[in-house]
C-alpha cells in the first residue's frame, strides 16, 4: 500500500515538473538598479527581441509591487527606465517583486529560429528577490520572455485551450487517490 501511495506522489511530482516547463522566447531583461539618494528606486527594461519578433503589437504592463503602468512599446528594441516614488505611478520600494506582462491578440504568431509559433494571450516575466532575501536586491535581473502555445504553429492555427500545470497536477493527484481507494476496497 505504501509503495502505491509513494508511486502516486512521485507521479504527481514528476508530472508537475514536466508540465511546468513553459515554451518561451527570450526578448530582454528586467533589472532592479537600486535606490537613489532621495529614496526612489530605478528599474530598467532592456528589450532586444530576436529577428522576426516585433513588439509594437503588444499591450505591455509593468508591475512594481502592487502598482501597474500600461504603456505602448516602439517596434524596435531599446531600454526603458521606471522610477518609483512621488510623481510616478509607483510607490517607493523596498519591493517584494516586479514583473512585466505582454498581452497578445489571440492567434498572434512570431517567427523564431526559422519556425513560426503562436503566442499565449499573456506572457508573464517576474523579478523576485533571491531565496535568502525578503526584498529585491540592487543589480538583480531576470529574463523577459514571450510565452508560446506548445504544439501550435502557423501550420496548425486552431487554438486549443491549455490547462494550467497546477490543474493537471491536481487532476492527476485526484485520479491517483481514487485509484488507491478503489484498490484498497478490492483488497
N, C-alpha and C. Protein backbone atom coordinates (compact mmCIF):
# COMPACT_ATOMS: atom_id res chain seq x y z
N UNK A 1 0.83 -1.19 0.00
CA UNK A 1 0.00 0.00 0.00
C UNK A 1 0.87 1.25 0.00
N UNK A 2 1.93 1.24 0.81
CA UNK A 2 2.81 2.40 0.88
C UNK A 2 3.52 2.63 -0.45
N UNK A 3 3.85 1.53 -1.13
CA UNK A 3 4.50 1.67 -2.43
C UNK A 3 3.57 2.36 -3.42
N UNK A 4 2.30 1.99 -3.39
CA UNK A 4 1.33 2.60 -4.30
C UNK A 4 1.18 4.09 -4.00
N UNK A 5 1.09 4.44 -2.73
CA UNK A 5 0.96 5.86 -2.35
C UNK A 5 2.22 6.63 -2.77
N UNK A 6 3.39 6.02 -2.54
CA UNK A 6 4.64 6.66 -2.94
C UNK A 6 4.68 6.84 -4.46
N UNK A 7 4.21 5.84 -5.20
CA UNK A 7 4.20 5.92 -6.67
C UNK A 7 3.29 7.05 -7.14
N UNK A 8 2.13 7.20 -6.50
CA UNK A 8 1.20 8.28 -6.88
C UNK A 8 1.83 9.64 -6.61
N UNK A 9 2.45 9.80 -5.45
CA UNK A 9 3.10 11.08 -5.11
C UNK A 9 4.24 11.37 -6.07
N UNK A 10 5.04 10.35 -6.36
CA UNK A 10 6.15 10.51 -7.29
C UNK A 10 5.65 10.88 -8.68
N UNK A 11 4.58 10.23 -9.13
CA UNK A 11 3.99 10.54 -10.44
C UNK A 11 3.49 11.99 -10.47
N UNK A 12 2.82 12.43 -9.41
CA UNK A 12 2.30 13.80 -9.37
C UNK A 12 3.43 14.81 -9.42
N UNK A 13 4.50 14.58 -8.66
CA UNK A 13 5.64 15.50 -8.68
C UNK A 13 6.32 15.50 -10.04
N UNK A 14 6.50 14.34 -10.65
CA UNK A 14 7.11 14.25 -11.97
C UNK A 14 6.25 14.97 -13.00
N UNK A 15 4.94 14.81 -12.89
CA UNK A 15 4.02 15.48 -13.83
C UNK A 15 4.13 16.99 -13.69
N UNK A 16 4.23 17.48 -12.46
CA UNK A 16 4.34 18.91 -12.23
C UNK A 16 5.60 19.46 -12.86
N UNK A 17 6.73 18.78 -12.68
CA UNK A 17 7.99 19.25 -13.24
C UNK A 17 7.94 19.22 -14.76
N UNK A 18 7.40 18.16 -15.34
CA UNK A 18 7.34 18.03 -16.79
C UNK A 18 6.40 19.05 -17.40
N UNK A 19 5.23 19.24 -16.79
CA UNK A 19 4.23 20.14 -17.34
C UNK A 19 4.62 21.60 -17.13
N UNK A 20 5.29 21.90 -16.02
CA UNK A 20 5.58 23.30 -15.68
C UNK A 20 6.60 23.93 -16.61
N UNK A 21 7.35 23.15 -17.40
CA UNK A 21 8.30 23.74 -18.34
C UNK A 21 7.52 24.46 -19.42
N UNK A 22 7.63 25.77 -19.44
CA UNK A 22 6.90 26.55 -20.44
C UNK A 22 7.80 26.81 -21.64
N UNK A 23 7.23 26.73 -22.81
CA UNK A 23 7.95 27.11 -24.02
C UNK A 23 7.94 28.62 -24.10
N UNK A 24 9.12 29.20 -24.30
CA UNK A 24 9.19 30.65 -24.30
C UNK A 24 10.35 31.14 -25.15
N UNK A 25 10.26 32.41 -25.53
CA UNK A 25 11.28 33.07 -26.34
C UNK A 25 11.84 34.23 -25.54
N UNK A 26 13.15 34.25 -25.26
CA UNK A 26 13.73 35.38 -24.51
C UNK A 26 13.78 36.64 -25.38
N UNK A 27 13.32 37.77 -24.80
CA UNK A 27 13.31 39.03 -25.56
C UNK A 27 13.99 40.18 -24.84
N UNK A 28 14.49 39.96 -23.61
CA UNK A 28 15.14 41.06 -22.91
C UNK A 28 15.39 40.76 -21.45
N UNK A 29 15.66 41.84 -20.69
CA UNK A 29 15.98 41.76 -19.26
C UNK A 29 15.16 42.79 -18.48
N UNK A 30 14.73 42.42 -17.29
CA UNK A 30 14.11 43.32 -16.32
C UNK A 30 15.08 43.38 -15.15
N UNK A 31 15.55 44.59 -14.82
CA UNK A 31 16.58 44.74 -13.78
C UNK A 31 16.16 45.76 -12.73
N UNK A 32 16.55 45.49 -11.50
CA UNK A 32 16.39 46.46 -10.41
C UNK A 32 17.76 47.08 -10.20
N UNK A 33 17.90 48.37 -10.48
CA UNK A 33 19.20 49.03 -10.42
C UNK A 33 19.56 49.53 -9.03
N UNK A 34 18.58 49.77 -8.20
CA UNK A 34 18.86 50.25 -6.84
C UNK A 34 18.03 51.46 -6.50
N UNK A 35 18.45 52.15 -5.42
CA UNK A 35 17.71 53.29 -4.88
C UNK A 35 18.55 54.55 -5.00
N UNK A 36 17.90 55.64 -5.37
CA UNK A 36 18.57 56.94 -5.49
C UNK A 36 18.68 57.58 -4.10
N UNK A 37 19.49 58.64 -3.94
CA UNK A 37 19.61 59.30 -2.64
C UNK A 37 18.28 59.84 -2.10
N UNK A 38 17.33 60.19 -2.98
CA UNK A 38 16.04 60.70 -2.49
C UNK A 38 15.04 59.59 -2.15
N UNK A 39 15.45 58.31 -2.27
CA UNK A 39 14.58 57.20 -1.90
C UNK A 39 13.83 56.55 -3.05
N UNK A 40 13.93 57.09 -4.25
CA UNK A 40 13.29 56.47 -5.40
C UNK A 40 14.07 55.23 -5.82
N UNK A 41 13.37 54.27 -6.37
CA UNK A 41 14.03 53.08 -6.90
C UNK A 41 13.99 53.12 -8.42
N UNK A 42 14.99 52.52 -9.05
CA UNK A 42 15.08 52.55 -10.51
C UNK A 42 15.04 51.12 -11.05
N UNK A 43 14.14 50.91 -12.01
CA UNK A 43 14.03 49.64 -12.71
C UNK A 43 14.33 49.89 -14.18
N UNK A 44 15.01 48.93 -14.79
CA UNK A 44 15.38 49.05 -16.20
C UNK A 44 14.81 47.87 -16.97
N UNK A 45 14.15 48.18 -18.09
CA UNK A 45 13.67 47.16 -19.01
C UNK A 45 14.51 47.30 -20.26
N UNK A 46 15.26 46.26 -20.61
CA UNK A 46 16.07 46.22 -21.82
C UNK A 46 15.46 45.20 -22.76
N UNK A 47 14.96 45.67 -23.89
CA UNK A 47 14.33 44.78 -24.86
C UNK A 47 15.20 44.64 -26.09
N UNK A 48 15.47 43.41 -26.44
CA UNK A 48 16.26 43.10 -27.62
C UNK A 48 15.69 41.82 -28.24
N UNK A 49 14.49 41.92 -28.84
CA UNK A 49 13.85 40.72 -29.38
C UNK A 49 14.62 40.17 -30.58
N UNK A 50 14.58 38.86 -30.76
CA UNK A 50 15.23 38.26 -31.92
C UNK A 50 14.56 38.72 -33.22
N UNK A 51 15.27 38.54 -34.32
CA UNK A 51 14.71 38.87 -35.64
C UNK A 51 13.41 38.09 -35.83
N UNK A 52 12.41 38.72 -36.43
CA UNK A 52 11.12 38.08 -36.66
C UNK A 52 10.09 38.39 -35.60
N UNK A 53 10.50 39.13 -34.56
CA UNK A 53 9.57 39.48 -33.49
C UNK A 53 9.52 40.99 -33.36
N UNK A 54 8.33 41.54 -33.61
CA UNK A 54 8.10 42.98 -33.45
C UNK A 54 7.27 43.18 -32.19
N UNK A 55 7.69 44.09 -31.33
CA UNK A 55 6.99 44.29 -30.06
C UNK A 55 5.91 45.36 -30.13
N UNK A 56 5.73 45.98 -31.28
CA UNK A 56 4.77 47.07 -31.41
C UNK A 56 3.31 46.64 -31.33
N UNK A 57 3.02 45.35 -31.45
CA UNK A 57 1.63 44.88 -31.45
C UNK A 57 1.15 44.39 -30.09
N UNK A 58 1.93 44.60 -29.05
CA UNK A 58 1.57 44.10 -27.73
C UNK A 58 1.09 45.24 -26.83
N UNK A 59 0.19 44.90 -25.92
CA UNK A 59 -0.14 45.80 -24.82
C UNK A 59 0.79 45.37 -23.69
N UNK A 60 1.59 46.29 -23.20
CA UNK A 60 2.62 45.97 -22.21
C UNK A 60 2.30 46.66 -20.89
N UNK A 61 2.47 45.93 -19.81
CA UNK A 61 2.28 46.49 -18.47
C UNK A 61 3.45 46.08 -17.59
N UNK A 62 3.89 47.01 -16.76
CA UNK A 62 4.90 46.69 -15.75
C UNK A 62 4.25 46.88 -14.38
N UNK A 63 4.52 45.94 -13.51
CA UNK A 63 4.03 45.96 -12.14
C UNK A 63 5.24 46.06 -11.23
N UNK A 64 5.26 47.07 -10.40
CA UNK A 64 6.30 47.20 -9.38
C UNK A 64 5.56 47.19 -8.05
N UNK A 65 5.76 46.11 -7.30
CA UNK A 65 4.94 45.92 -6.11
C UNK A 65 3.50 45.74 -6.53
N UNK A 66 2.59 46.51 -5.93
CA UNK A 66 1.16 46.40 -6.26
C UNK A 66 0.72 47.43 -7.29
N UNK A 67 1.64 48.23 -7.81
CA UNK A 67 1.28 49.30 -8.74
C UNK A 67 1.55 48.87 -10.18
N UNK A 68 0.71 49.38 -11.10
CA UNK A 68 0.78 48.96 -12.50
C UNK A 68 0.83 50.17 -13.42
N UNK A 69 1.59 50.04 -14.52
CA UNK A 69 1.62 51.04 -15.58
C UNK A 69 1.55 50.30 -16.91
N UNK A 70 0.55 50.65 -17.72
CA UNK A 70 0.41 50.09 -19.06
C UNK A 70 0.95 51.10 -20.06
N UNK A 71 1.74 50.62 -21.03
CA UNK A 71 2.36 51.53 -21.99
C UNK A 71 2.51 50.85 -23.34
N UNK A 72 2.79 51.64 -24.36
CA UNK A 72 3.00 51.14 -25.71
C UNK A 72 4.48 51.13 -26.02
N UNK A 73 4.94 50.04 -26.60
CA UNK A 73 6.34 49.91 -26.96
C UNK A 73 6.55 50.31 -28.42
N UNK A 74 7.73 50.86 -28.72
CA UNK A 74 8.06 51.06 -30.13
C UNK A 74 8.33 49.70 -30.77
N UNK A 75 8.39 49.65 -32.07
CA UNK A 75 8.60 48.37 -32.76
C UNK A 75 10.05 47.91 -32.69
N UNK A 76 10.95 48.77 -32.27
CA UNK A 76 12.36 48.40 -32.20
C UNK A 76 12.75 48.08 -30.77
N UNK A 77 13.95 47.58 -30.60
CA UNK A 77 14.44 47.28 -29.26
C UNK A 77 14.85 48.56 -28.56
N UNK A 78 15.10 48.47 -27.27
CA UNK A 78 15.53 49.64 -26.53
C UNK A 78 15.51 49.42 -25.04
N UNK A 79 15.94 50.45 -24.32
CA UNK A 79 15.97 50.43 -22.86
C UNK A 79 14.98 51.45 -22.32
N UNK A 80 14.31 51.10 -21.23
CA UNK A 80 13.36 51.97 -20.57
C UNK A 80 13.65 51.98 -19.08
N UNK A 81 13.60 53.15 -18.46
CA UNK A 81 13.78 53.26 -17.02
C UNK A 81 12.45 53.60 -16.36
N UNK A 82 12.19 53.00 -15.22
CA UNK A 82 10.98 53.27 -14.45
C UNK A 82 11.43 53.66 -13.05
N UNK A 83 10.92 54.79 -12.56
CA UNK A 83 11.23 55.29 -11.22
C UNK A 83 10.04 55.08 -10.31
N UNK A 84 10.30 54.83 -9.04
CA UNK A 84 9.24 54.75 -8.04
C UNK A 84 9.25 56.05 -7.24
N UNK A 85 8.14 56.32 -6.59
CA UNK A 85 8.08 57.47 -5.69
C UNK A 85 7.08 58.51 -6.13
N UNK A 86 7.05 59.66 -5.41
CA UNK A 86 6.10 60.73 -5.71
C UNK A 86 6.23 61.20 -7.16
N UNK A 87 5.07 61.43 -7.78
CA UNK A 87 5.05 61.90 -9.17
C UNK A 87 5.18 60.77 -10.18
N UNK A 88 5.22 59.52 -9.72
CA UNK A 88 5.29 58.37 -10.61
C UNK A 88 4.10 57.46 -10.33
N UNK A 89 3.82 56.50 -11.20
CA UNK A 89 2.72 55.56 -10.94
C UNK A 89 3.04 54.53 -9.86
N UNK A 90 4.27 54.56 -9.32
CA UNK A 90 4.71 53.51 -8.40
C UNK A 90 5.08 54.07 -7.04
N UNK A 91 4.72 53.33 -5.99
CA UNK A 91 5.12 53.70 -4.64
C UNK A 91 6.60 53.38 -4.45
N UNK A 92 7.23 54.03 -3.49
CA UNK A 92 8.63 53.75 -3.19
C UNK A 92 8.81 52.31 -2.75
N UNK A 93 9.97 51.78 -3.04
CA UNK A 93 10.34 50.44 -2.59
C UNK A 93 10.91 50.57 -1.18
N UNK A 94 11.11 49.52 -0.38
CA UNK A 94 11.54 48.22 -0.85
C UNK A 94 10.38 47.46 -1.49
N UNK A 95 10.69 46.72 -2.55
CA UNK A 95 9.71 45.98 -3.33
C UNK A 95 9.95 44.48 -3.19
N UNK A 96 8.85 43.75 -3.06
CA UNK A 96 8.95 42.30 -2.95
C UNK A 96 9.00 41.63 -4.31
N UNK A 97 8.59 42.35 -5.37
CA UNK A 97 8.69 41.79 -6.71
C UNK A 97 8.40 42.87 -7.75
N UNK A 98 8.69 42.53 -8.98
CA UNK A 98 8.34 43.35 -10.14
C UNK A 98 8.10 42.37 -11.27
N UNK A 99 7.17 42.69 -12.14
CA UNK A 99 7.01 41.84 -13.32
C UNK A 99 6.47 42.64 -14.48
N UNK A 100 6.66 42.07 -15.65
CA UNK A 100 6.23 42.71 -16.88
C UNK A 100 5.36 41.72 -17.64
N UNK A 101 4.26 42.21 -18.19
CA UNK A 101 3.33 41.38 -18.96
C UNK A 101 3.25 41.90 -20.39
N UNK A 102 3.18 40.97 -21.32
CA UNK A 102 2.90 41.27 -22.71
C UNK A 102 1.60 40.59 -23.06
N UNK A 103 0.61 41.36 -23.53
CA UNK A 103 -0.68 40.82 -23.91
C UNK A 103 -0.76 40.83 -25.43
N UNK A 104 -1.01 39.64 -26.00
CA UNK A 104 -1.10 39.49 -27.46
C UNK A 104 -2.54 39.19 -27.85
N UNK A 105 -2.92 39.59 -29.04
CA UNK A 105 -4.23 39.25 -29.59
C UNK A 105 -4.22 37.75 -29.87
N UNK A 106 -5.34 37.08 -29.62
CA UNK A 106 -5.43 35.64 -29.85
C UNK A 106 -5.00 35.30 -31.27
N UNK A 107 -4.15 34.29 -31.39
CA UNK A 107 -3.68 33.84 -32.69
C UNK A 107 -2.45 34.57 -33.21
N UNK A 108 -1.87 35.49 -32.41
CA UNK A 108 -0.67 36.21 -32.83
C UNK A 108 0.47 35.23 -33.04
N UNK A 109 1.16 35.35 -34.16
CA UNK A 109 2.29 34.47 -34.45
C UNK A 109 3.58 35.28 -34.51
N UNK A 110 4.69 34.60 -34.20
CA UNK A 110 6.03 35.17 -34.31
C UNK A 110 6.94 34.14 -34.94
N UNK A 111 8.00 34.61 -35.56
CA UNK A 111 9.00 33.72 -36.14
C UNK A 111 10.24 33.76 -35.27
N UNK A 112 10.70 32.57 -34.86
CA UNK A 112 11.88 32.45 -34.00
C UNK A 112 12.65 31.21 -34.43
N UNK A 113 13.93 31.38 -34.67
CA UNK A 113 14.80 30.28 -35.11
C UNK A 113 14.23 29.54 -36.33
N UNK A 114 13.69 30.30 -37.27
CA UNK A 114 13.19 29.73 -38.51
C UNK A 114 11.84 29.05 -38.40
N UNK A 115 11.21 29.07 -37.24
CA UNK A 115 9.89 28.47 -37.05
C UNK A 115 8.89 29.54 -36.66
N UNK A 116 7.63 29.32 -37.02
CA UNK A 116 6.56 30.25 -36.67
C UNK A 116 5.76 29.65 -35.51
N UNK A 117 5.58 30.45 -34.45
CA UNK A 117 4.88 29.99 -33.25
C UNK A 117 3.68 30.88 -32.95
N UNK A 118 2.68 30.29 -32.30
CA UNK A 118 1.53 31.04 -31.81
C UNK A 118 1.83 31.43 -30.36
N UNK A 119 1.61 32.71 -30.04
CA UNK A 119 1.88 33.20 -28.68
C UNK A 119 0.69 32.95 -27.76
N UNK A 120 1.00 32.77 -26.48
CA UNK A 120 -0.06 32.75 -25.47
C UNK A 120 -0.64 34.16 -25.36
N UNK A 121 -1.84 34.25 -24.87
CA UNK A 121 -2.50 35.55 -24.74
C UNK A 121 -1.71 36.48 -23.83
N UNK A 122 -1.21 35.96 -22.71
CA UNK A 122 -0.43 36.78 -21.77
C UNK A 122 0.89 36.08 -21.47
N UNK A 123 1.97 36.84 -21.56
CA UNK A 123 3.30 36.35 -21.17
C UNK A 123 3.73 37.11 -19.92
N UNK A 124 4.01 36.39 -18.84
CA UNK A 124 4.44 36.99 -17.58
C UNK A 124 5.93 36.74 -17.39
N UNK A 125 6.68 37.76 -17.01
CA UNK A 125 8.09 37.61 -16.65
C UNK A 125 8.30 38.29 -15.29
N UNK A 126 8.85 37.54 -14.34
CA UNK A 126 8.94 38.00 -12.95
C UNK A 126 10.37 38.28 -12.52
N UNK A 127 10.52 39.29 -11.68
CA UNK A 127 11.76 39.58 -10.97
C UNK A 127 11.42 39.44 -9.49
N UNK A 128 12.02 38.45 -8.85
CA UNK A 128 11.74 38.18 -7.44
C UNK A 128 13.04 38.24 -6.65
N UNK A 129 12.94 38.46 -5.34
CA UNK A 129 14.15 38.51 -4.52
C UNK A 129 14.88 37.16 -4.51
N UNK A 130 16.18 37.19 -4.24
CA UNK A 130 16.90 35.92 -4.06
C UNK A 130 16.27 35.15 -2.89
N UNK A 131 16.50 33.84 -2.85
CA UNK A 131 15.87 32.99 -1.83
C UNK A 131 16.10 33.46 -0.40
N UNK A 132 17.25 34.04 -0.11
CA UNK A 132 17.56 34.42 1.27
C UNK A 132 17.17 35.87 1.58
N UNK A 133 16.46 36.53 0.67
CA UNK A 133 16.09 37.94 0.86
C UNK A 133 14.57 38.11 0.83
N UNK A 134 14.09 39.16 1.51
CA UNK A 134 12.66 39.46 1.52
C UNK A 134 12.31 40.45 0.41
N UNK A 135 13.26 41.32 0.04
CA UNK A 135 13.03 42.36 -0.96
C UNK A 135 14.02 42.22 -2.11
N UNK A 136 13.70 42.92 -3.21
CA UNK A 136 14.60 42.92 -4.36
C UNK A 136 15.95 43.51 -3.96
N UNK A 137 17.00 43.00 -4.59
CA UNK A 137 18.37 43.41 -4.30
C UNK A 137 18.90 44.21 -5.49
N UNK A 138 19.58 45.36 -5.26
CA UNK A 138 20.13 46.13 -6.39
C UNK A 138 21.00 45.27 -7.31
N UNK A 139 20.92 45.58 -8.59
CA UNK A 139 21.65 44.89 -9.67
C UNK A 139 21.10 43.50 -9.98
N UNK A 140 19.96 43.16 -9.40
CA UNK A 140 19.32 41.87 -9.68
C UNK A 140 18.55 41.99 -11.00
N UNK A 141 18.52 40.91 -11.79
CA UNK A 141 17.79 40.96 -13.06
C UNK A 141 17.17 39.61 -13.37
N UNK A 142 16.22 39.63 -14.29
CA UNK A 142 15.55 38.41 -14.75
C UNK A 142 15.28 38.56 -16.24
N UNK A 143 15.22 37.43 -16.92
CA UNK A 143 14.95 37.43 -18.36
C UNK A 143 13.47 37.68 -18.62
N UNK A 144 13.18 38.46 -19.64
CA UNK A 144 11.82 38.71 -20.09
C UNK A 144 11.54 37.75 -21.24
N UNK A 145 10.40 37.07 -21.18
CA UNK A 145 10.04 36.07 -22.18
C UNK A 145 8.69 36.38 -22.84
N UNK A 146 8.53 35.89 -24.06
CA UNK A 146 7.22 35.75 -24.69
C UNK A 146 6.90 34.26 -24.62
N UNK A 147 5.73 33.91 -24.12
CA UNK A 147 5.34 32.51 -23.98
C UNK A 147 4.60 32.05 -25.22
N UNK A 148 4.95 30.85 -25.68
CA UNK A 148 4.29 30.31 -26.87
C UNK A 148 3.38 29.15 -26.47
N UNK A 149 2.37 28.90 -27.29
CA UNK A 149 1.45 27.80 -27.05
C UNK A 149 2.13 26.53 -27.58
N UNK A 150 2.46 25.58 -26.71
CA UNK A 150 3.15 24.37 -27.17
C UNK A 150 2.33 23.65 -28.24
N UNK A 151 2.99 23.23 -29.30
CA UNK A 151 2.34 22.47 -30.35
C UNK A 151 1.57 23.30 -31.35
N UNK A 152 1.51 24.60 -31.16
CA UNK A 152 0.76 25.45 -32.08
C UNK A 152 1.73 26.21 -32.97
N UNK A 153 1.57 26.11 -34.24
CA UNK A 153 2.38 26.87 -35.18
C UNK A 153 1.47 27.42 -36.25
N UNK A 154 2.02 28.19 -37.16
CA UNK A 154 1.21 28.79 -38.22
C UNK A 154 0.57 27.71 -39.09
N UNK A 155 1.24 26.55 -39.20
CA UNK A 155 0.69 25.46 -39.99
C UNK A 155 -0.56 24.87 -39.35
N UNK A 156 -0.71 25.01 -38.03
CA UNK A 156 -1.89 24.50 -37.34
C UNK A 156 -2.47 25.60 -36.46
N UNK A 157 -3.23 26.54 -37.05
CA UNK A 157 -3.68 27.71 -36.31
C UNK A 157 -4.84 27.48 -35.35
N UNK A 158 -5.40 26.27 -35.29
CA UNK A 158 -6.53 26.03 -34.41
C UNK A 158 -6.10 26.23 -32.96
N UNK A 159 -6.76 27.11 -32.25
CA UNK A 159 -6.43 27.39 -30.86
C UNK A 159 -7.07 26.33 -29.97
N UNK A 160 -6.28 25.76 -29.10
CA UNK A 160 -6.74 24.74 -28.18
C UNK A 160 -6.51 25.24 -26.76
N UNK A 161 -7.53 25.19 -25.90
CA UNK A 161 -7.29 25.63 -24.53
C UNK A 161 -6.24 24.76 -23.86
N UNK A 162 -5.32 25.40 -23.16
CA UNK A 162 -4.24 24.69 -22.47
C UNK A 162 -4.45 24.85 -20.98
N UNK A 163 -4.70 23.73 -20.27
CA UNK A 163 -4.89 23.85 -18.82
C UNK A 163 -3.60 24.26 -18.13
N UNK A 164 -3.75 24.95 -17.02
CA UNK A 164 -2.60 25.35 -16.22
C UNK A 164 -1.94 24.11 -15.63
N UNK A 165 -0.62 24.14 -15.41
CA UNK A 165 0.07 22.98 -14.84
C UNK A 165 -0.50 22.53 -13.50
N UNK A 166 -0.90 23.51 -12.69
CA UNK A 166 -1.45 23.16 -11.38
C UNK A 166 -2.74 22.36 -11.53
N UNK A 167 -3.57 22.69 -12.52
CA UNK A 167 -4.82 21.98 -12.75
C UNK A 167 -4.55 20.53 -13.14
N UNK A 168 -3.58 20.33 -14.03
CA UNK A 168 -3.26 18.97 -14.45
C UNK A 168 -2.68 18.15 -13.30
N UNK A 169 -1.84 18.77 -12.48
CA UNK A 169 -1.26 18.07 -11.34
C UNK A 169 -2.34 17.71 -10.33
N UNK A 170 -3.25 18.65 -10.07
CA UNK A 170 -4.35 18.39 -9.15
C UNK A 170 -5.21 17.25 -9.67
N UNK A 171 -5.50 17.26 -10.96
CA UNK A 171 -6.31 16.20 -11.56
C UNK A 171 -5.59 14.85 -11.45
N UNK A 172 -4.28 14.81 -11.75
CA UNK A 172 -3.52 13.57 -11.67
C UNK A 172 -3.48 13.05 -10.23
N UNK A 173 -3.31 13.96 -9.28
CA UNK A 173 -3.30 13.55 -7.87
C UNK A 173 -4.66 12.98 -7.46
N UNK A 174 -5.73 13.63 -7.89
CA UNK A 174 -7.08 13.15 -7.57
C UNK A 174 -7.35 11.79 -8.14
N UNK A 175 -6.94 11.56 -9.39
CA UNK A 175 -7.13 10.25 -10.01
C UNK A 175 -6.32 9.20 -9.26
N UNK A 176 -5.09 9.56 -8.87
CA UNK A 176 -4.26 8.63 -8.12
C UNK A 176 -4.89 8.25 -6.79
N UNK A 177 -5.44 9.22 -6.09
CA UNK A 177 -6.08 8.94 -4.80
C UNK A 177 -7.31 8.05 -5.00
N UNK A 178 -8.10 8.34 -6.04
CA UNK A 178 -9.27 7.49 -6.33
C UNK A 178 -8.84 6.06 -6.63
N UNK A 179 -7.79 5.89 -7.42
CA UNK A 179 -7.31 4.55 -7.73
C UNK A 179 -6.83 3.83 -6.47
N UNK A 180 -6.18 4.55 -5.58
CA UNK A 180 -5.75 3.94 -4.31
C UNK A 180 -6.94 3.49 -3.48
N UNK A 181 -7.98 4.31 -3.40
CA UNK A 181 -9.18 3.96 -2.64
C UNK A 181 -9.87 2.73 -3.25
N UNK A 182 -9.94 2.70 -4.58
CA UNK A 182 -10.56 1.56 -5.26
C UNK A 182 -9.76 0.31 -4.98
N UNK A 183 -8.44 0.42 -5.07
CA UNK A 183 -7.57 -0.75 -4.82
C UNK A 183 -7.72 -1.23 -3.38
N UNK A 184 -7.85 -0.27 -2.45
CA UNK A 184 -7.99 -0.63 -1.04
C UNK A 184 -9.29 -1.40 -0.80
N UNK A 185 -10.37 -1.00 -1.48
CA UNK A 185 -11.66 -1.67 -1.31
C UNK A 185 -11.64 -3.07 -1.92
N UNK A 186 -10.88 -3.23 -3.02
CA UNK A 186 -10.81 -4.54 -3.67
C UNK A 186 -10.03 -5.53 -2.83
N UNK A 187 -8.93 -5.07 -2.19
CA UNK A 187 -8.09 -5.99 -1.41
C UNK A 187 -8.54 -6.15 0.00
